[in-house]
Amino acid sequence: MTLEIKKLSHSDILKHLKTDELEPELRTKTERLVALLEEMEAVLVAYSGGVDSALLLKVVHEVLGPTRGAGCLAISPSIPPREITLAQNHAAAMGVQLLLTHTTEMEREGYVENSPQRCYFCKNTLFTELHEIARREGFRFIVDGFNLDDKGDYRPGMRAAKELEIRSPLAESGFTKKDIRALSKLLGLPTWNKPAAACLSSRIPYGLPVTVEALERIGKAEEFLQDLGFAEVRVRHYNDMARIEVPSAELDRFVEEKTRQAVSSGLHALGYTYVTLDLDGYRSGSLNEVILVKRK
């Protein structure tokens, strides 16, 4: 791969990123991020289409240009087709270079058996594939969208990132989720207010095997609920039972008779014998609560 000579000066890049319109603290973080990426020279972003990796990819594109900075989107059964399409559309709207790869985590026993270390095997598979792409295409570094707010969560995938020397420029520059959304909004990115997302395997309780059939059913169930107007929703999969999480503010709307009947019949049609609503509401990573309780 032939690396292009960067056309924009450091000051031009900061102007493109509208740093003069940012609050001082976020401006400092953004300038730190730009300087860090300039040092890296050629970067491949592990792009999922979410708010974090989308912002990082956009900044990488502004700093390094379309041949020294690119994103790579992984396609697998654990990512709903709708999300894949949306991620591609958002990349096109941002004008960035996007590569595609098909990952093979479903072939790894450690992933399919679904222990609390499942995410490690997923990220190890992904980052190993990205290393091959980076080597082939001439990228010096692989980066992800990990930020400071992610440090408090249970994320065994970060061990794979550390082992394979994946960099996290947003975290290194001090970005929080709030910072990422604020800069994304200022830059007009279509992802600035996108709900948090995670792979469909995270809907399956530890110990139950991950299968393509289960992932497809979960994906269809969540798309069905999204079409009913529940933008932020999780369907936790217990073989023949679905435990649905929606934000607490939407519980009243969910149990309205017309909506309740639609959800019940829709999920029964997808193969769930029992359809339940979690009265505690949506919370990210709720299946990790069992692990956290055991660690106390």
Protein backbone atom coordinates (compact mmCIF):
# COMPACT_ATOMS: atom_id res chain seq x y z
CA MET A 1 0.00 0.00 0.00
CA THR A 2 1.37 3.42 -0.97
CA LEU A 3 0.94 5.98 1.77
CA GLU A 4 -0.23 9.41 0.64
CA ILE A 5 1.48 12.58 1.84
CA LYS A 6 -0.76 14.37 4.28
CA LYS A 7 -2.22 17.48 2.62
CA LEU A 8 -3.65 19.24 5.66
CA SER A 9 -1.50 21.05 8.19
CA HIS A 10 -1.99 20.51 11.92
CA SER A 11 -3.88 23.80 12.20
CA ASP A 12 -6.06 22.94 9.20
CA ILE A 13 -7.00 19.62 10.81
CA LEU A 14 -8.00 21.35 14.04
CA LYS A 15 -10.06 23.81 12.02
CA HIS A 16 -11.85 20.94 10.27
CA LEU A 17 -12.59 19.43 13.67
CA LYS A 18 -13.98 22.78 14.89
CA THR A 19 -11.83 22.77 18.00
CA ASP A 20 -12.31 26.52 18.42
CA GLU A 21 -15.99 25.83 19.14
CA LEU A 22 -15.30 23.30 21.89
CA GLU A 23 -15.20 23.80 25.62
CA PRO A 24 -11.58 24.19 26.78
CA GLU A 25 -11.30 20.72 28.34
CA LEU A 26 -12.70 18.93 25.29
CA ARG A 27 -10.61 21.10 22.98
CA THR A 28 -7.48 20.00 24.83
CA LYS A 29 -8.49 16.34 24.55
CA THR A 30 -9.20 16.71 20.84
CA GLU A 31 -5.86 18.39 20.19
CA ARG A 32 -4.18 15.60 22.15
CA LEU A 33 -6.00 13.01 20.01
CA VAL A 34 -4.94 14.71 16.78
CA ALA A 35 -1.30 14.84 17.88
CA LEU A 36 -1.39 11.18 18.89
CA LEU A 37 -2.79 10.08 15.53
CA GLU A 38 -0.25 12.17 13.67
CA GLU A 39 2.48 10.29 15.52
CA MET A 40 0.92 6.95 14.53
CA GLU A 41 1.09 7.87 10.81
CA ALA A 42 -0.99 4.97 9.44
CA VAL A 43 -3.98 3.59 11.35
CA LEU A 44 -6.64 0.90 10.92
CA VAL A 45 -9.75 1.43 13.07
CA ALA A 46 -11.76 -1.50 14.43
CA TYR A 47 -15.06 0.04 13.31
CA SER A 48 -18.42 -1.25 14.53
CA GLY A 49 -20.67 1.62 13.46
CA GLY A 50 -21.20 2.70 17.07
CA VAL A 51 -20.73 6.21 18.38
CA ASP A 52 -17.18 5.63 19.70
CA SER A 53 -15.53 3.95 16.73
CA ALA A 54 -17.40 6.21 14.29
CA LEU A 55 -15.95 9.35 15.86
CA LEU A 56 -12.49 7.81 16.00
CA LEU A 57 -12.68 6.81 12.34
CA LYS A 58 -13.80 10.30 11.34
CA VAL A 59 -10.92 11.93 13.21
CA VAL A 60 -8.46 9.40 11.79
CA HIS A 61 -9.73 10.27 8.31
CA GLU A 62 -9.33 14.02 8.94
CA VAL A 63 -5.84 13.62 10.37
CA LEU A 64 -4.35 10.97 8.09
CA GLY A 65 -6.42 11.03 4.93
CA PRO A 66 -8.20 8.17 3.13
CA THR A 67 -5.18 5.96 2.43
CA ARG A 68 -3.29 6.24 5.73
CA GLY A 69 -6.46 5.97 7.82
CA ALA A 70 -9.28 3.49 7.31
CA GLY A 71 -11.88 1.51 9.20
CA CYS A 72 -12.56 -2.20 9.09
CA LEU A 73 -16.05 -3.54 9.76
CA ALA A 74 -16.37 -7.15 10.91
CA ILE A 75 -19.31 -9.16 9.60
CA SER A 76 -20.47 -12.12 11.66
CA PRO A 77 -23.70 -13.83 12.82
CA SER A 78 -23.50 -11.86 16.08
CA ILE A 79 -24.09 -8.54 14.30
CA PRO A 80 -27.63 -7.94 12.97
CA PRO A 81 -27.77 -7.30 9.19
CA ARG A 82 -29.54 -4.02 9.93
CA GLU A 83 -26.57 -2.84 12.00
CA ILE A 84 -24.11 -3.87 9.28
CA THR A 85 -26.05 -1.86 6.69
CA LEU A 86 -26.34 1.12 9.03
CA ALA A 87 -22.61 1.05 9.78
CA GLN A 88 -21.80 1.03 6.07
CA ASN A 89 -24.24 3.87 5.40
CA HIS A 90 -22.77 5.96 8.21
CA ALA A 91 -19.23 5.37 6.93
CA ALA A 92 -20.33 6.48 3.47
CA ALA A 93 -21.98 9.59 4.94
CA MET A 94 -18.75 10.46 6.75
CA GLY A 95 -16.73 9.99 3.58
CA VAL A 96 -14.23 7.59 5.13
CA GLN A 97 -12.52 4.54 3.71
CA LEU A 98 -14.10 1.29 4.95
CA LEU A 99 -12.84 -2.27 4.58
CA LEU A 100 -14.93 -5.36 5.32
CA THR A 101 -13.94 -8.68 6.83
CA HIS A 102 -15.81 -11.84 7.84
CA THR A 103 -14.72 -13.15 11.23
CA THR A 104 -14.74 -16.79 12.37
CA GLU A 105 -15.40 -16.67 16.11
CA MET A 106 -18.20 -19.25 15.67
CA GLU A 107 -15.48 -21.79 14.89
CA ARG A 108 -13.81 -21.30 18.28
CA GLU A 109 -14.90 -23.56 21.12
CA GLY A 110 -14.10 -20.94 23.75
CA TYR A 111 -16.57 -18.57 22.10
CA VAL A 112 -19.38 -21.01 21.38
CA GLU A 113 -19.37 -22.54 24.88
CA ASN A 114 -20.12 -19.04 26.21
CA SER A 115 -18.13 -18.82 29.41
CA PRO A 116 -17.62 -15.39 31.04
CA GLN A 117 -14.48 -15.22 28.87
CA ARG A 118 -16.48 -15.37 25.62
CA CYS A 119 -15.65 -11.77 24.70
CA TYR A 120 -11.94 -12.57 24.93
CA PHE A 121 -12.21 -15.19 22.20
CA CYS A 122 -14.31 -12.88 20.05
CA LYS A 123 -11.85 -9.99 20.28
CA ASN A 124 -8.85 -12.27 19.89
CA THR A 125 -10.36 -13.57 16.63
CA LEU A 126 -11.19 -10.07 15.41
CA PHE A 127 -7.87 -8.46 16.27
CA THR A 128 -5.90 -11.37 14.82
CA GLU A 129 -7.76 -10.85 11.53
CA LEU A 130 -7.18 -7.08 11.68
CA HIS A 131 -3.45 -7.67 12.19
CA GLU A 132 -3.33 -9.58 8.93
CA ILE A 133 -5.24 -6.81 7.14
CA ALA A 134 -3.03 -4.11 8.66
CA ARG A 135 0.11 -5.99 7.61
CA ARG A 136 -1.19 -6.49 4.08
CA GLU A 137 -2.40 -2.91 3.63
CA GLY A 138 0.51 -1.15 5.33
CA PHE A 139 -1.12 0.23 8.50
CA ARG A 140 1.26 0.67 11.43
CA PHE A 141 -1.32 0.57 14.22
CA ILE A 142 -4.72 -0.97 14.94
CA VAL A 143 -6.97 1.12 17.18
CA ASP A 144 -10.34 0.67 18.86
CA GLY A 145 -13.01 2.97 20.31
CA PHE A 146 -12.38 2.11 23.96
CA ASN A 147 -12.80 5.21 26.17
CA LEU A 148 -12.45 6.13 29.83
CA ASP A 149 -16.03 5.18 30.73
CA ASP A 150 -15.41 1.61 29.53
CA LYS A 151 -12.84 1.00 32.24
CA GLY A 152 -15.49 0.37 34.91
CA ASP A 153 -17.22 -2.42 32.99
CA TYR A 154 -16.45 -6.14 32.80
CA ARG A 155 -14.59 -6.44 29.47
CA PRO A 156 -12.44 -9.55 29.03
CA GLY A 157 -11.98 -8.51 25.41
CA MET A 158 -9.56 -5.86 26.61
CA ARG A 159 -7.13 -8.63 27.55
CA ALA A 160 -7.07 -9.68 23.90
CA ALA A 161 -6.52 -6.06 22.90
CA LYS A 162 -3.57 -5.75 25.26
CA GLU A 163 -2.05 -9.06 24.11
CA LEU A 164 -2.26 -8.01 20.45
CA GLU A 165 -1.10 -4.44 21.10
CA ILE A 166 -4.30 -2.69 20.06
CA ARG A 167 -4.21 1.03 20.88
CA SER A 168 -7.14 3.03 22.31
CA PRO A 169 -6.53 6.66 21.28
CA LEU A 170 -9.79 7.98 22.77
CA ALA A 171 -8.93 6.62 26.20
CA GLU A 172 -5.30 7.71 25.86
CA SER A 173 -6.52 11.24 25.08
CA GLY A 174 -8.93 11.31 28.04
CA PHE A 175 -12.25 11.03 26.19
CA THR A 176 -15.40 10.00 28.03
CA LYS A 177 -18.63 8.90 26.37
CA LYS A 178 -20.06 12.39 26.94
CA ASP A 179 -17.05 13.92 25.18
CA ILE A 180 -17.45 11.56 22.24
CA ARG A 181 -21.11 12.39 21.75
CA ALA A 182 -20.43 16.13 22.09
CA LEU A 183 -17.69 16.17 19.45
CA SER A 184 -19.70 13.85 17.20
CA LYS A 185 -22.67 16.22 17.36
CA LEU A 186 -20.52 19.25 16.58
CA LEU A 187 -19.07 17.46 13.55
CA GLY A 188 -22.54 16.47 12.36
CA LEU A 189 -21.86 12.73 12.54
CA PRO A 190 -24.99 10.58 12.07
CA THR A 191 -23.97 8.46 15.07
CA TRP A 192 -23.82 11.23 17.69
CA ASN A 193 -27.06 10.13 19.40
CA LYS A 194 -27.05 6.47 18.36
CA PRO A 195 -28.12 4.13 21.20
CA ALA A 196 -25.44 1.90 22.68
CA ALA A 197 -25.13 -1.45 20.94
CA ALA A 198 -23.36 -4.72 21.63
CA CYS A 199 -23.02 -8.01 19.80
CA LEU A 200 -26.02 -10.33 19.96
CA SER A 201 -24.03 -12.95 21.87
CA SER A 202 -24.17 -10.63 24.88
CA ARG A 203 -27.90 -11.43 25.10
CA ILE A 204 -27.24 -15.10 25.89
CA PRO A 205 -26.59 -15.98 29.57
CA TYR A 206 -23.19 -17.46 30.30
CA GLY A 207 -23.27 -21.25 30.09
CA LEU A 208 -25.86 -21.45 27.32
CA PRO A 209 -24.12 -22.15 24.00
CA VAL A 210 -23.96 -19.50 21.31
CA THR A 211 -25.58 -20.77 18.12
CA VAL A 212 -26.36 -19.13 14.80
CA GLU A 213 -30.04 -20.02 15.31
CA ALA A 214 -30.16 -18.24 18.68
CA LEU A 215 -28.39 -15.17 17.30
CA GLU A 216 -30.79 -14.94 14.37
CA ARG A 217 -33.82 -15.23 16.67
CA ILE A 218 -32.49 -12.54 19.02
CA GLY A 219 -31.73 -10.25 16.11
CA LYS A 220 -35.19 -10.64 14.63
CA ALA A 221 -36.83 -10.10 18.03
CA GLU A 222 -34.94 -6.88 18.67
CA GLU A 223 -35.63 -5.57 15.17
CA PHE A 224 -39.32 -6.31 15.72
CA LEU A 225 -39.29 -4.29 18.96
CA GLN A 226 -37.33 -1.47 17.33
CA ASP A 227 -39.99 -1.29 14.62
CA LEU A 228 -42.55 -0.82 17.40
CA GLY A 229 -40.64 2.28 18.49
CA PHE A 230 -38.34 0.92 21.20
CA ALA A 231 -34.99 2.25 19.98
CA GLU A 232 -33.03 1.06 23.02
CA VAL A 233 -34.01 -2.53 23.74
CA ARG A 234 -32.45 -5.86 24.69
CA VAL A 235 -33.90 -9.34 24.32
CA ARG A 236 -32.11 -11.62 26.79
CA HIS A 237 -32.35 -15.15 25.40
CA TYR A 238 -33.02 -18.16 27.66
CA ASN A 239 -33.73 -20.77 24.96
CA ASP A 240 -37.56 -20.77 24.97
CA MET A 241 -37.91 -17.61 27.09
CA ALA A 242 -37.24 -13.98 26.17
CA ARG A 243 -36.55 -11.43 28.92
CA ILE A 244 -37.07 -7.98 27.44
CA GLU A 245 -35.36 -4.85 28.74
CA VAL A 246 -36.50 -1.36 27.75
CA PRO A 247 -35.67 1.94 29.51
CA SER A 248 -37.69 2.46 32.69
CA ALA A 249 -39.34 5.52 31.17
CA GLU A 250 -40.87 3.31 28.48
CA LEU A 251 -42.29 0.57 30.73
CA ASP A 252 -45.74 2.17 30.82
CA ARG A 253 -45.94 2.33 27.04
CA PHE A 254 -44.71 -1.23 26.75
CA VAL A 255 -47.52 -2.66 28.88
CA GLU A 256 -50.29 -0.80 27.06
CA GLU A 257 -52.66 -3.51 25.87
CA LYS A 258 -52.16 -3.01 22.15
CA THR A 259 -48.37 -2.94 22.46
CA ARG A 260 -48.28 -5.84 24.91
CA GLN A 261 -50.32 -8.03 22.59
CA ALA A 262 -48.19 -7.10 19.59
CA VAL A 263 -44.97 -7.96 21.45
CA SER A 264 -46.39 -11.20 22.78
CA SER A 265 -47.66 -12.46 19.45
CA GLY A 266 -44.57 -11.25 17.58
CA LEU A 267 -42.08 -13.02 19.81
CA HIS A 268 -44.18 -16.17 20.06
CA ALA A 269 -44.10 -16.25 16.26
CA LEU A 270 -40.29 -16.18 16.41
CA GLY A 271 -40.24 -19.30 18.59
CA TYR A 272 -40.27 -18.01 22.16
CA THR A 273 -42.66 -19.95 24.40
CA TYR A 274 -42.46 -17.39 27.22
CA VAL A 275 -42.21 -13.62 26.76
CA THR A 276 -41.32 -11.58 29.85
CA LEU A 277 -40.59 -7.94 30.70
CA ASP A 278 -37.79 -7.01 33.12
CA LEU A 279 -39.29 -4.51 35.56
CA ASP A 280 -35.83 -3.18 36.46
CA GLY A 281 -35.61 -1.76 32.94
CA TYR A 282 -32.77 -1.64 30.46
CA ARG A 283 -29.20 -1.60 31.72
CA SER A 284 -26.12 -2.34 29.70
CA GLY A 285 -24.47 -5.68 30.42
CA SER A 286 -27.16 -6.95 32.78
CA LEU A 287 -26.02 -10.55 32.29
CA ASN A 288 -22.72 -9.59 33.94
CA GLU A 289 -24.59 -8.90 37.18
CA VAL A 290 -24.32 -12.60 38.05
CA ILE A 291 -20.53 -12.43 37.73
CA LEU A 292 -20.26 -9.25 39.80
CA VAL A 293 -22.42 -10.75 42.56
CA LYS A 294 -20.23 -13.86 42.69
CA ARG A 295 -17.12 -11.71 42.99
CA LYS A 296 -18.37 -9.87 46.08
